[in-house]
Amino acid sequence: MEKSIEMMERTGEGKGEARKLRADRRIPAVCYGKHLKAPVAVSVDRIEIAAIVRSSDANDLFTVKAEGSPINGELVLIKTKQTDPLTDEMIHIDFQTISKGEPIKAIVTIELVGKSKGVAEGGILQQPNRTLEIKCLPSKMPSSIKVDITNVGLNESLHVSDITLPEGVEVVGTANKTLAVVIPPADEVAQPTEAVAADAVEVAGKKKPEGDA
């Protein structure tokens, strides 16, 4: 099913324009991209965009519906959202236009799946990095990358270089980034022996000799 966002071009700017849009239940936004001659100021329906954001992943792409506008039919990514610090409501959105034939960079979530044999032996699983920067065509963009940790044993780790990425996806930056590690359980704090405890009680119970200040 095609995902789309309806937009309307706007010509005004400043606080007066923002108040007018809020009265019409709309949010100011802008579309920009390398293949656009200039950024295009638009507005989106407040309720519609809130529903889209709630039901979408960070890297989902949308087709613009804006009759008579040069951005009509463009593919866009929700790049940034500005929210009101008091109400947490969106007050401005940046949309980045994407070319279908041009690779883009994005941050995706790493999902660890399976139970490692190291954890089964009593180890503790740690995930030092929960996201990964990747590069691929828009049509190949995954919502997340699942990483199987079943064979990670005690005192072992799993790096980016150890996993198989989805077809057409490449990592941006180092491939030595650690995704998962299984460490031994922390040593229990040694409890004081009965003898040490008894000595402590004896010292605490001693009275000062008479005549001491």
N, C-alpha and C. Protein backbone atom coordinates (compact mmCIF):
# COMPACT_ATOMS: atom_id res chain seq x y z
N MET A 1 0.84 -1.21 0.00
CA MET A 1 0.00 0.00 0.00
C MET A 1 0.88 1.25 0.00
N GLU A 2 0.60 2.17 -0.93
CA GLU A 2 1.40 3.38 -1.05
C GLU A 2 1.11 4.33 0.11
N LYS A 3 2.19 4.87 0.67
CA LYS A 3 2.04 5.85 1.75
C LYS A 3 2.19 7.24 1.14
N SER A 4 1.33 8.14 1.54
CA SER A 4 1.39 9.49 0.98
C SER A 4 1.09 10.53 2.06
N ILE A 5 1.50 11.76 1.78
CA ILE A 5 1.22 12.89 2.67
C ILE A 5 0.69 14.03 1.82
N GLU A 6 -0.47 14.56 2.20
CA GLU A 6 -1.04 15.70 1.49
C GLU A 6 -0.42 16.99 2.04
N MET A 7 0.02 17.85 1.12
CA MET A 7 0.64 19.12 1.50
C MET A 7 0.02 20.26 0.73
N MET A 8 0.13 21.46 1.31
CA MET A 8 -0.32 22.68 0.63
C MET A 8 0.82 23.68 0.69
N GLU A 9 1.11 24.30 -0.47
CA GLU A 9 2.15 25.34 -0.47
C GLU A 9 1.66 26.54 0.33
N ARG A 10 2.59 27.25 0.96
CA ARG A 10 2.26 28.47 1.71
C ARG A 10 3.21 29.59 1.30
N THR A 11 2.73 30.79 1.39
CA THR A 11 3.54 31.94 0.99
C THR A 11 3.94 32.81 2.17
N GLY A 12 3.15 32.78 3.24
CA GLY A 12 3.45 33.60 4.41
C GLY A 12 4.53 32.99 5.27
N GLU A 13 5.00 33.78 6.23
CA GLU A 13 6.00 33.29 7.18
C GLU A 13 5.90 34.10 8.46
N GLY A 14 6.63 33.69 9.48
CA GLY A 14 6.63 34.41 10.74
C GLY A 14 5.52 33.97 11.68
N LYS A 15 5.41 34.68 12.82
CA LYS A 15 4.45 34.31 13.86
C LYS A 15 3.00 34.44 13.39
N GLY A 16 2.74 35.46 12.57
CA GLY A 16 1.38 35.64 12.08
C GLY A 16 0.92 34.47 11.24
N GLU A 17 1.79 34.00 10.36
CA GLU A 17 1.47 32.84 9.53
C GLU A 17 1.28 31.61 10.39
N ALA A 18 2.15 31.43 11.42
CA ALA A 18 2.05 30.26 12.30
C ALA A 18 0.72 30.25 13.05
N ARG A 19 0.28 31.42 13.52
CA ARG A 19 -1.00 31.51 14.23
C ARG A 19 -2.16 31.16 13.31
N LYS A 20 -2.09 31.64 12.09
CA LYS A 20 -3.14 31.36 11.12
C LYS A 20 -3.22 29.86 10.82
N LEU A 21 -2.07 29.24 10.66
CA LEU A 21 -2.04 27.80 10.39
C LEU A 21 -2.58 27.00 11.56
N ARG A 22 -2.19 27.41 12.77
CA ARG A 22 -2.68 26.70 13.96
C ARG A 22 -4.20 26.81 14.05
N ALA A 23 -4.74 27.96 13.70
CA ALA A 23 -6.20 28.15 13.72
C ALA A 23 -6.88 27.23 12.71
N ASP A 24 -6.17 26.92 11.63
CA ASP A 24 -6.70 26.02 10.60
C ASP A 24 -6.30 24.56 10.85
N ARG A 25 -5.73 24.31 12.03
CA ARG A 25 -5.27 22.96 12.41
C ARG A 25 -4.25 22.40 11.42
N ARG A 26 -3.29 23.27 11.06
CA ARG A 26 -2.23 22.86 10.16
C ARG A 26 -0.87 23.19 10.79
N ILE A 27 0.17 22.52 10.30
CA ILE A 27 1.53 22.71 10.82
C ILE A 27 2.43 23.19 9.68
N PRO A 28 3.22 24.24 9.90
CA PRO A 28 4.15 24.68 8.86
C PRO A 28 5.26 23.65 8.66
N ALA A 29 5.71 23.53 7.41
CA ALA A 29 6.75 22.57 7.08
C ALA A 29 7.52 23.07 5.87
N VAL A 30 8.61 22.39 5.56
CA VAL A 30 9.41 22.75 4.39
C VAL A 30 9.92 21.48 3.73
N CYS A 31 9.95 21.48 2.39
CA CYS A 31 10.53 20.38 1.62
C CYS A 31 11.82 20.87 0.98
N TYR A 32 12.91 20.11 1.14
CA TYR A 32 14.17 20.49 0.52
C TYR A 32 14.85 19.24 -0.02
N GLY A 33 15.76 19.45 -0.94
CA GLY A 33 16.49 18.32 -1.52
C GLY A 33 17.45 18.80 -2.59
N LYS A 34 18.44 17.97 -2.89
CA LYS A 34 19.49 18.37 -3.83
C LYS A 34 18.94 18.65 -5.22
N HIS A 35 17.90 17.93 -5.63
CA HIS A 35 17.39 18.12 -6.99
C HIS A 35 16.27 19.14 -7.08
N LEU A 36 15.94 19.82 -5.96
CA LEU A 36 14.98 20.93 -6.00
C LEU A 36 15.74 22.24 -6.22
N LYS A 37 15.17 23.13 -7.01
CA LYS A 37 15.82 24.41 -7.26
C LYS A 37 15.93 25.23 -5.97
N ALA A 38 14.91 25.12 -5.12
CA ALA A 38 14.90 25.84 -3.85
C ALA A 38 13.95 25.12 -2.90
N PRO A 39 14.14 25.30 -1.59
CA PRO A 39 13.20 24.70 -0.64
C PRO A 39 11.78 25.21 -0.89
N VAL A 40 10.80 24.36 -0.65
CA VAL A 40 9.40 24.70 -0.86
C VAL A 40 8.68 24.74 0.49
N ALA A 41 8.13 25.90 0.84
CA ALA A 41 7.38 26.05 2.09
C ALA A 41 5.98 25.47 1.92
N VAL A 42 5.62 24.58 2.84
CA VAL A 42 4.32 23.91 2.76
C VAL A 42 3.69 23.86 4.15
N SER A 43 2.48 23.32 4.21
CA SER A 43 1.83 23.03 5.49
C SER A 43 1.15 21.68 5.38
N VAL A 44 0.97 21.02 6.53
CA VAL A 44 0.33 19.71 6.56
C VAL A 44 -0.75 19.71 7.63
N ASP A 45 -1.74 18.86 7.45
CA ASP A 45 -2.82 18.74 8.43
C ASP A 45 -2.27 18.18 9.74
N ARG A 46 -2.57 18.87 10.83
CA ARG A 46 -2.02 18.49 12.14
C ARG A 46 -2.44 17.08 12.57
N ILE A 47 -3.70 16.75 12.41
CA ILE A 47 -4.19 15.44 12.84
C ILE A 47 -3.65 14.34 11.95
N GLU A 48 -3.65 14.59 10.64
CA GLU A 48 -3.17 13.58 9.69
C GLU A 48 -1.70 13.27 9.92
N ILE A 49 -0.86 14.30 10.07
CA ILE A 49 0.58 14.06 10.21
C ILE A 49 0.89 13.40 11.56
N ALA A 50 0.12 13.72 12.59
CA ALA A 50 0.32 13.07 13.90
C ALA A 50 0.05 11.58 13.79
N ALA A 51 -1.00 11.20 13.07
CA ALA A 51 -1.33 9.78 12.87
C ALA A 51 -0.26 9.08 12.05
N ILE A 52 0.26 9.77 11.04
CA ILE A 52 1.32 9.20 10.20
C ILE A 52 2.58 8.94 11.01
N VAL A 53 2.96 9.90 11.82
CA VAL A 53 4.17 9.76 12.64
C VAL A 53 4.03 8.61 13.63
N ARG A 54 2.86 8.50 14.25
CA ARG A 54 2.65 7.42 15.24
C ARG A 54 2.74 6.03 14.61
N SER A 55 2.30 5.89 13.36
CA SER A 55 2.22 4.57 12.74
C SER A 55 3.38 4.26 11.80
N SER A 56 4.38 5.13 11.75
CA SER A 56 5.47 4.95 10.80
C SER A 56 6.81 4.76 11.49
N ASP A 57 7.74 4.15 10.75
CA ASP A 57 9.12 4.03 11.21
C ASP A 57 9.89 5.28 10.80
N ALA A 58 11.03 5.48 11.44
CA ALA A 58 11.80 6.70 11.20
C ALA A 58 12.24 6.85 9.75
N ASN A 59 12.45 5.73 9.04
CA ASN A 59 12.97 5.81 7.68
C ASN A 59 11.93 5.52 6.61
N ASP A 60 10.65 5.57 6.97
CA ASP A 60 9.60 5.37 5.97
C ASP A 60 9.59 6.52 4.96
N LEU A 61 9.27 6.17 3.71
CA LEU A 61 9.20 7.16 2.64
C LEU A 61 7.75 7.40 2.25
N PHE A 62 7.45 8.62 1.81
CA PHE A 62 6.09 9.01 1.47
C PHE A 62 6.07 9.76 0.13
N THR A 63 4.98 9.58 -0.59
CA THR A 63 4.77 10.32 -1.83
C THR A 63 3.96 11.58 -1.53
N VAL A 64 4.44 12.71 -2.03
CA VAL A 64 3.77 13.99 -1.78
C VAL A 64 2.56 14.14 -2.70
N LYS A 65 1.45 14.53 -2.11
CA LYS A 65 0.26 14.90 -2.88
C LYS A 65 0.03 16.39 -2.68
N ALA A 66 0.36 17.17 -3.73
CA ALA A 66 0.22 18.62 -3.65
C ALA A 66 -0.08 19.15 -5.05
N GLU A 67 -1.36 19.23 -5.38
CA GLU A 67 -1.77 19.64 -6.73
C GLU A 67 -1.23 21.01 -7.10
N GLY A 68 -0.67 21.10 -8.32
CA GLY A 68 -0.16 22.37 -8.81
C GLY A 68 1.20 22.76 -8.28
N SER A 69 1.79 21.94 -7.41
CA SER A 69 3.09 22.26 -6.82
C SER A 69 4.19 21.47 -7.51
N PRO A 70 5.40 22.03 -7.60
CA PRO A 70 6.52 21.30 -8.21
C PRO A 70 6.94 20.07 -7.41
N ILE A 71 6.48 19.97 -6.17
CA ILE A 71 6.86 18.81 -5.37
C ILE A 71 5.80 17.70 -5.43
N ASN A 72 4.74 17.92 -6.20
CA ASN A 72 3.72 16.89 -6.33
C ASN A 72 4.33 15.61 -6.90
N GLY A 73 4.13 14.47 -6.23
CA GLY A 73 4.68 13.21 -6.69
C GLY A 73 6.08 12.91 -6.19
N GLU A 74 6.69 13.88 -5.50
CA GLU A 74 8.05 13.66 -4.97
C GLU A 74 8.02 12.63 -3.84
N LEU A 75 9.14 11.94 -3.70
CA LEU A 75 9.31 10.99 -2.60
C LEU A 75 10.03 11.72 -1.48
N VAL A 76 9.47 11.68 -0.25
CA VAL A 76 10.08 12.42 0.86
C VAL A 76 10.28 11.54 2.10
N LEU A 77 11.22 11.99 2.90
CA LEU A 77 11.53 11.38 4.19
C LEU A 77 11.28 12.44 5.26
N ILE A 78 10.64 12.07 6.37
CA ILE A 78 10.48 13.01 7.49
C ILE A 78 11.84 13.12 8.17
N LYS A 79 12.52 14.24 7.92
CA LYS A 79 13.89 14.38 8.40
C LYS A 79 13.97 14.82 9.85
N THR A 80 13.28 15.91 10.18
CA THR A 80 13.27 16.40 11.57
C THR A 80 11.88 16.90 11.94
N LYS A 81 11.57 16.80 13.24
CA LYS A 81 10.31 17.30 13.78
C LYS A 81 10.62 18.22 14.95
N GLN A 82 10.11 19.43 14.91
CA GLN A 82 10.27 20.36 16.03
C GLN A 82 9.00 20.34 16.86
N THR A 83 9.15 20.18 18.18
CA THR A 83 7.99 20.10 19.05
C THR A 83 8.00 21.22 20.10
N ASP A 84 6.83 21.54 20.58
CA ASP A 84 6.69 22.53 21.65
C ASP A 84 7.18 21.91 22.95
N PRO A 85 8.12 22.53 23.67
CA PRO A 85 8.67 21.94 24.89
C PRO A 85 7.65 21.77 26.01
N LEU A 86 6.56 22.54 25.97
CA LEU A 86 5.54 22.45 27.02
C LEU A 86 4.45 21.44 26.69
N THR A 87 3.97 21.46 25.45
CA THR A 87 2.85 20.58 25.07
C THR A 87 3.29 19.33 24.34
N ASP A 88 4.53 19.31 23.85
CA ASP A 88 5.07 18.19 23.07
C ASP A 88 4.36 18.03 21.72
N GLU A 89 3.61 19.03 21.31
CA GLU A 89 2.95 18.98 20.01
C GLU A 89 3.92 19.45 18.92
N MET A 90 3.80 18.86 17.72
CA MET A 90 4.65 19.26 16.61
C MET A 90 4.32 20.67 16.17
N ILE A 91 5.35 21.48 15.93
CA ILE A 91 5.14 22.86 15.49
C ILE A 91 5.84 23.15 14.17
N HIS A 92 6.71 22.25 13.71
CA HIS A 92 7.35 22.42 12.41
C HIS A 92 7.97 21.08 11.99
N ILE A 93 7.97 20.83 10.68
CA ILE A 93 8.52 19.57 10.15
C ILE A 93 9.38 19.87 8.93
N ASP A 94 10.51 19.18 8.84
CA ASP A 94 11.37 19.24 7.65
C ASP A 94 11.22 17.93 6.88
N PHE A 95 10.90 18.04 5.59
CA PHE A 95 10.83 16.88 4.70
C PHE A 95 12.00 16.94 3.72
N GLN A 96 12.72 15.84 3.58
CA GLN A 96 13.81 15.77 2.60
C GLN A 96 13.33 14.98 1.38
N THR A 97 13.44 15.59 0.20
CA THR A 97 13.05 14.88 -1.01
C THR A 97 14.14 13.87 -1.39
N ILE A 98 13.70 12.71 -1.87
CA ILE A 98 14.61 11.61 -2.17
C ILE A 98 14.45 11.19 -3.63
N SER A 99 15.60 10.94 -4.27
CA SER A 99 15.58 10.41 -5.64
C SER A 99 15.58 8.89 -5.56
N LYS A 100 14.64 8.23 -6.25
CA LYS A 100 14.52 6.78 -6.17
C LYS A 100 15.79 6.05 -6.61
N GLY A 101 16.55 6.66 -7.51
CA GLY A 101 17.75 5.97 -8.02
C GLY A 101 19.03 6.37 -7.32
N GLU A 102 18.91 7.14 -6.25
CA GLU A 102 20.10 7.62 -5.54
C GLU A 102 20.15 7.05 -4.13
N PRO A 103 21.28 6.40 -3.76
CA PRO A 103 21.40 5.86 -2.39
C PRO A 103 21.30 6.97 -1.35
N ILE A 104 20.72 6.63 -0.22
CA ILE A 104 20.62 7.58 0.89
C ILE A 104 21.19 6.96 2.15
N LYS A 105 21.58 7.82 3.09
CA LYS A 105 22.07 7.35 4.38
C LYS A 105 20.95 7.45 5.41
N ALA A 106 20.95 6.52 6.36
CA ALA A 106 19.93 6.54 7.40
C ALA A 106 20.44 5.79 8.63
N ILE A 107 19.83 6.08 9.77
CA ILE A 107 20.14 5.38 11.01
C ILE A 107 19.03 4.36 11.26
N VAL A 108 19.40 3.08 11.41
CA VAL A 108 18.40 2.04 11.66
C VAL A 108 18.67 1.37 13.01
N THR A 109 17.62 0.81 13.58
CA THR A 109 17.71 0.13 14.87
C THR A 109 18.24 -1.29 14.69
N ILE A 110 19.07 -1.72 15.63
CA ILE A 110 19.57 -3.09 15.66
C ILE A 110 18.70 -3.91 16.61
N GLU A 111 18.08 -4.98 16.12
CA GLU A 111 17.27 -5.86 16.96
C GLU A 111 18.01 -7.18 17.17
N LEU A 112 18.30 -7.49 18.43
CA LEU A 112 18.96 -8.76 18.76
C LEU A 112 17.89 -9.84 18.89
N VAL A 113 18.07 -10.94 18.16
CA VAL A 113 17.09 -12.03 18.21
C VAL A 113 17.78 -13.33 18.63
N GLY A 114 17.00 -14.21 19.27
CA GLY A 114 17.54 -15.47 19.76
C GLY A 114 18.11 -15.33 21.16
N LYS A 115 18.45 -16.46 21.77
CA LYS A 115 19.06 -16.47 23.10
C LYS A 115 20.48 -17.02 22.97
N SER A 116 21.46 -16.22 23.34
CA SER A 116 22.84 -16.64 23.18
C SER A 116 23.18 -17.78 24.14
N LYS A 117 24.10 -18.64 23.68
CA LYS A 117 24.52 -19.76 24.53
C LYS A 117 25.26 -19.25 25.76
N GLY A 118 25.86 -18.07 25.65
CA GLY A 118 26.55 -17.50 26.80
C GLY A 118 25.58 -17.10 27.90
N VAL A 119 24.42 -16.58 27.52
CA VAL A 119 23.39 -16.23 28.50
C VAL A 119 22.84 -17.49 29.14
N ALA A 120 22.70 -18.56 28.33
CA ALA A 120 22.21 -19.84 28.86
C ALA A 120 23.16 -20.41 29.90
N GLU A 121 24.44 -20.01 29.83
CA GLU A 121 25.44 -20.47 30.80
C GLU A 121 25.55 -19.54 31.99
N GLY A 122 24.68 -18.53 32.05
CA GLY A 122 24.67 -17.62 33.20
C GLY A 122 25.27 -16.26 32.93
N GLY A 123 25.71 -16.03 31.69
CA GLY A 123 26.30 -14.74 31.36
C GLY A 123 25.28 -13.63 31.23
N ILE A 124 25.78 -12.41 31.12
CA ILE A 124 24.92 -11.23 31.00
C ILE A 124 25.12 -10.61 29.62
N LEU A 125 24.02 -10.42 28.90
CA LEU A 125 24.08 -9.85 27.55
C LEU A 125 24.09 -8.33 27.63
N GLN A 126 25.01 -7.73 26.89
CA GLN A 126 25.08 -6.28 26.78
C GLN A 126 25.03 -5.89 25.31
N GLN A 127 24.38 -4.76 25.02
CA GLN A 127 24.27 -4.26 23.65
C GLN A 127 24.87 -2.86 23.59
N PRO A 128 26.17 -2.75 23.31
CA PRO A 128 26.84 -1.45 23.32
C PRO A 128 26.30 -0.47 22.28
N ASN A 129 25.87 -0.98 21.12
CA ASN A 129 25.35 -0.11 20.07
C ASN A 129 23.98 -0.60 19.63
N ARG A 130 23.00 0.27 19.70
CA ARG A 130 21.61 -0.10 19.38
C ARG A 130 21.16 0.41 18.02
N THR A 131 22.01 1.19 17.35
CA THR A 131 21.68 1.69 16.02
C THR A 131 22.90 1.54 15.11
N LEU A 132 22.64 1.66 13.81
CA LEU A 132 23.70 1.51 12.83
C LEU A 132 23.40 2.45 11.66
N GLU A 133 24.42 3.14 11.20
CA GLU A 133 24.25 4.01 10.04
C GLU A 133 24.51 3.19 8.77
N ILE A 134 23.56 3.25 7.85
CA ILE A 134 23.67 2.47 6.63
C ILE A 134 23.44 3.35 5.41
N LYS A 135 23.72 2.76 4.24
CA LYS A 135 23.50 3.46 2.97
C LYS A 135 22.92 2.47 1.98
N CYS A 136 21.84 2.88 1.30
CA CYS A 136 21.21 2.01 0.31
C CYS A 136 20.21 2.81 -0.52
N LEU A 137 19.66 2.18 -1.54
CA LEU A 137 18.61 2.81 -2.32
C LEU A 137 17.34 2.91 -1.47
N PRO A 138 16.50 3.91 -1.71
CA PRO A 138 15.27 4.06 -0.92
C PRO A 138 14.42 2.79 -0.91
N SER A 139 14.38 2.08 -2.03
CA SER A 139 13.55 0.87 -2.12
C SER A 139 14.11 -0.28 -1.28
N LYS A 140 15.37 -0.19 -0.87
CA LYS A 140 16.02 -1.25 -0.10
C LYS A 140 16.10 -0.92 1.39
N MET A 141 15.56 0.22 1.78
CA MET A 141 15.72 0.68 3.16
C MET A 141 14.97 -0.22 4.15
N PRO A 142 15.69 -0.88 5.07
CA PRO A 142 15.01 -1.72 6.07
C PRO A 142 14.51 -0.87 7.24
N SER A 143 13.43 -1.31 7.88
CA SER A 143 12.93 -0.60 9.05
C SER A 143 13.84 -0.85 10.26
N SER A 144 14.50 -2.01 10.25
CA SER A 144 15.48 -2.36 11.29
C SER A 144 16.34 -3.49 10.76
N ILE A 145 17.40 -3.81 11.48
CA ILE A 145 18.26 -4.93 11.10
C ILE A 145 18.27 -5.94 12.25
N LYS A 146 17.84 -7.16 11.96
CA LYS A 146 17.78 -8.21 12.97
C LYS A 146 19.13 -8.95 13.00
N VAL A 147 19.64 -9.16 14.20
CA VAL A 147 20.93 -9.80 14.39
C VAL A 147 20.76 -11.02 15.28
N ASP A 148 21.11 -12.19 14.77
CA ASP A 148 20.99 -13.44 15.53
C ASP A 148 22.18 -13.59 16.48
N ILE A 149 21.92 -13.73 17.78
CA ILE A 149 22.99 -13.82 18.77
C ILE A 149 23.10 -15.22 19.37
N THR A 150 22.43 -16.19 18.76
CA THR A 150 22.37 -17.54 19.32
C THR A 150 23.75 -18.12 19.61
N ASN A 151 24.71 -17.90 18.74
CA ASN A 151 26.03 -18.53 18.88
C ASN A 151 27.04 -17.69 19.64
N VAL A 152 26.61 -16.60 20.26
CA VAL A 152 27.52 -15.78 21.05
C VAL A 152 27.69 -16.40 22.43
N GLY A 153 28.91 -16.87 22.71
CA GLY A 153 29.17 -17.53 23.98
C GLY A 153 29.67 -16.58 25.06
N LEU A 154 29.96 -17.16 26.21
CA LEU A 154 30.47 -16.39 27.34
C LEU A 154 31.81 -15.76 26.97
N ASN A 155 31.99 -14.49 27.30
CA ASN A 155 33.21 -13.74 26.98
C ASN A 155 33.42 -13.57 25.47
N GLU A 156 32.35 -13.65 24.72
CA GLU A 156 32.43 -13.47 23.27
C GLU A 156 31.60 -12.24 22.87
N SER A 157 31.95 -11.69 21.70
CA SER A 157 31.22 -10.52 21.21
C SER A 157 30.89 -10.68 19.73
N LEU A 158 29.95 -9.87 19.28
CA LEU A 158 29.52 -9.90 17.89
C LEU A 158 29.68 -8.50 17.32
N HIS A 159 30.36 -8.41 16.17
CA HIS A 159 30.63 -7.12 15.54
C HIS A 159 29.87 -7.00 14.22
N VAL A 160 29.85 -5.78 13.71
CA VAL A 160 29.18 -5.54 12.43
C VAL A 160 29.76 -6.45 11.35
N SER A 161 31.07 -6.64 11.37
CA SER A 161 31.73 -7.47 10.36
C SER A 161 31.32 -8.94 10.43
N ASP A 162 30.66 -9.34 11.53
CA ASP A 162 30.26 -10.75 11.70
C ASP A 162 28.86 -11.04 11.14
N ILE A 163 28.10 -9.99 10.78
CA ILE A 163 26.72 -10.23 10.38
C ILE A 163 26.54 -10.08 8.87
N THR A 164 25.45 -10.64 8.38
CA THR A 164 25.10 -10.52 6.97
C THR A 164 24.03 -9.44 6.83
N LEU A 165 24.34 -8.39 6.11
CA LEU A 165 23.41 -7.29 5.93
C LEU A 165 22.41 -7.61 4.83
N PRO A 166 21.24 -6.98 4.87
CA PRO A 166 20.26 -7.19 3.80
C PRO A 166 20.86 -6.83 2.44
N GLU A 167 20.34 -7.41 1.39
CA GLU A 167 20.85 -7.16 0.05
C GLU A 167 20.77 -5.68 -0.31
N GLY A 168 21.87 -5.15 -0.83
CA GLY A 168 21.89 -3.76 -1.26
C GLY A 168 22.17 -2.77 -0.17
N VAL A 169 22.43 -3.26 1.04
CA VAL A 169 22.68 -2.37 2.19
C VAL A 169 24.15 -2.43 2.57
N GLU A 170 24.75 -1.27 2.78
CA GLU A 170 26.14 -1.23 3.24
C GLU A 170 26.26 -0.34 4.47
N VAL A 171 27.28 -0.63 5.27
CA VAL A 171 27.49 0.11 6.51
C VAL A 171 28.31 1.36 6.24
N VAL A 172 27.93 2.44 6.88
CA VAL A 172 28.71 3.67 6.81
C VAL A 172 29.63 3.71 8.02
N GLY A 173 30.92 3.83 7.78
CA GLY A 173 31.87 3.88 8.89
C GLY A 173 32.49 2.53 9.18
N THR A 174 32.99 2.36 10.41
CA THR A 174 33.73 1.16 10.77
C THR A 174 32.86 -0.07 10.87
N ALA A 175 33.46 -1.21 10.47
CA ALA A 175 32.75 -2.49 10.58
C ALA A 175 33.14 -3.21 11.86
N ASN A 176 33.96 -2.56 12.70
CA ASN A 176 34.40 -3.19 13.95
C ASN A 176 33.49 -2.84 15.12
N LYS A 177 32.43 -2.11 14.86
CA LYS A 177 31.52 -1.70 15.92
C LYS A 177 30.90 -2.93 16.58
N THR A 178 30.92 -2.96 17.91
CA THR A 178 30.38 -4.10 18.66
C THR A 178 28.87 -3.97 18.80
N LEU A 179 28.16 -5.04 18.44
CA LEU A 179 26.70 -5.04 18.52
C LEU A 179 26.20 -5.77 19.76
N ALA A 180 26.94 -6.79 20.19
CA ALA A 180 26.51 -7.57 21.36
C ALA A 180 27.73 -8.21 22.01
N VAL A 181 27.68 -8.36 23.32
CA VAL A 181 28.75 -9.02 24.06
C VAL A 181 28.14 -9.70 25.28
N VAL A 182 28.66 -10.89 25.62
CA VAL A 182 28.18 -11.63 26.79
C VAL A 182 29.30 -11.68 27.81
N ILE A 183 29.06 -11.11 28.99
CA ILE A 183 30.08 -11.05 30.03
C ILE A 183 29.70 -11.97 31.18
N PRO A 184 30.70 -12.42 31.97
CA PRO A 184 30.40 -13.27 33.13
C PRO A 184 29.60 -12.49 34.16
N PRO A 185 28.80 -13.20 34.98
CA PRO A 185 28.06 -12.51 36.04
C PRO A 185 29.02 -11.91 37.05
N ALA A 186 28.66 -10.80 37.66
CA ALA A 186 29.52 -10.14 38.64
C ALA A 186 29.71 -11.05 39.84
N ASP A 187 30.93 -11.07 40.39
CA ASP A 187 31.20 -11.88 41.57
C ASP A 187 30.38 -11.37 42.74
N GLU A 188 29.84 -12.29 43.50
CA GLU A 188 29.05 -11.91 44.67
C GLU A 188 29.95 -11.26 45.71
N VAL A 189 29.42 -10.27 46.39
CA VAL A 189 30.19 -9.61 47.45
C VAL A 189 30.38 -10.59 48.59
N ALA A 190 31.64 -10.81 48.97
CA ALA A 190 31.94 -11.78 50.01
C ALA A 190 31.33 -11.33 51.34
N GLN A 191 30.62 -12.26 51.98
CA GLN A 191 30.03 -11.96 53.28
C GLN A 191 31.08 -12.14 54.38
N PRO A 192 31.08 -11.32 55.41
CA PRO A 192 32.06 -11.47 56.50
C PRO A 192 31.88 -12.81 57.22
N THR A 193 32.98 -13.43 57.56
CA THR A 193 32.92 -14.72 58.26
C THR A 193 32.45 -14.49 59.68
N GLU A 194 32.05 -15.59 60.35
CA GLU A 194 31.56 -15.47 61.72
C GLU A 194 32.64 -14.93 62.63
N ALA A 195 33.90 -15.32 62.36
CA ALA A 195 35.00 -14.86 63.21
C ALA A 195 35.20 -13.37 63.08
N VAL A 196 35.17 -12.88 61.81
CA VAL A 196 35.34 -11.44 61.59
C VAL A 196 34.19 -10.67 62.23
N ALA A 197 32.98 -11.19 62.10
CA ALA A 197 31.82 -10.54 62.68
C ALA A 197 31.93 -10.49 64.19
N ALA A 198 32.41 -11.59 64.79
CA ALA A 198 32.55 -11.64 66.24
C ALA A 198 33.58 -10.64 66.72
N ASP A 199 34.71 -10.52 65.97
CA ASP A 199 35.75 -9.56 66.34
C ASP A 199 35.21 -8.15 66.29
N ALA A 200 34.38 -7.87 65.30
CA ALA A 200 33.82 -6.53 65.17
C ALA A 200 32.93 -6.20 66.35
N VAL A 201 32.14 -7.19 66.79
CA VAL A 201 31.25 -6.98 67.93
C VAL A 201 32.06 -6.76 69.19
N GLU A 202 33.17 -7.54 69.35
CA GLU A 202 34.00 -7.44 70.55
C GLU A 202 34.65 -6.06 70.63
N VAL A 203 35.20 -5.58 69.50
CA VAL A 203 35.85 -4.27 69.50
C VAL A 203 34.84 -3.18 69.81
N ALA A 204 33.67 -3.29 69.22
CA ALA A 204 32.65 -2.27 69.43
C ALA A 204 32.17 -2.26 70.88
N GLY A 205 32.25 -3.44 71.56
CA GLY A 205 31.70 -3.52 72.91
C GLY A 205 32.69 -3.20 74.01
N LYS A 206 33.96 -2.99 73.63
CA LYS A 206 34.96 -2.71 74.66
C LYS A 206 34.74 -1.32 75.26
N LYS A 207 34.95 -1.22 76.58
CA LYS A 207 34.84 0.07 77.26
C LYS A 207 36.22 0.67 77.47
N LYS A 208 36.26 2.00 77.46
CA LYS A 208 37.54 2.66 77.70
C LYS A 208 37.98 2.44 79.13
N PRO A 209 39.30 2.22 79.39
CA PRO A 209 39.79 2.06 80.78
C PRO A 209 39.51 3.33 81.59
N GLU A 210 39.32 3.10 82.89
CA GLU A 210 39.07 4.24 83.77
C GLU A 210 40.25 5.18 83.76
N GLY A 211 39.97 6.46 83.75
CA GLY A 211 41.02 7.44 83.76
C GLY A 211 41.34 7.98 82.40
N ASP A 212 40.90 7.27 81.35
CA ASP A 212 41.14 7.79 79.98
C ASP A 212 40.27 9.01 79.73
N ALA A 213 40.79 9.96 78.94
CA ALA A 213 40.03 11.16 78.66
C ALA A 213 38.94 10.85 77.65
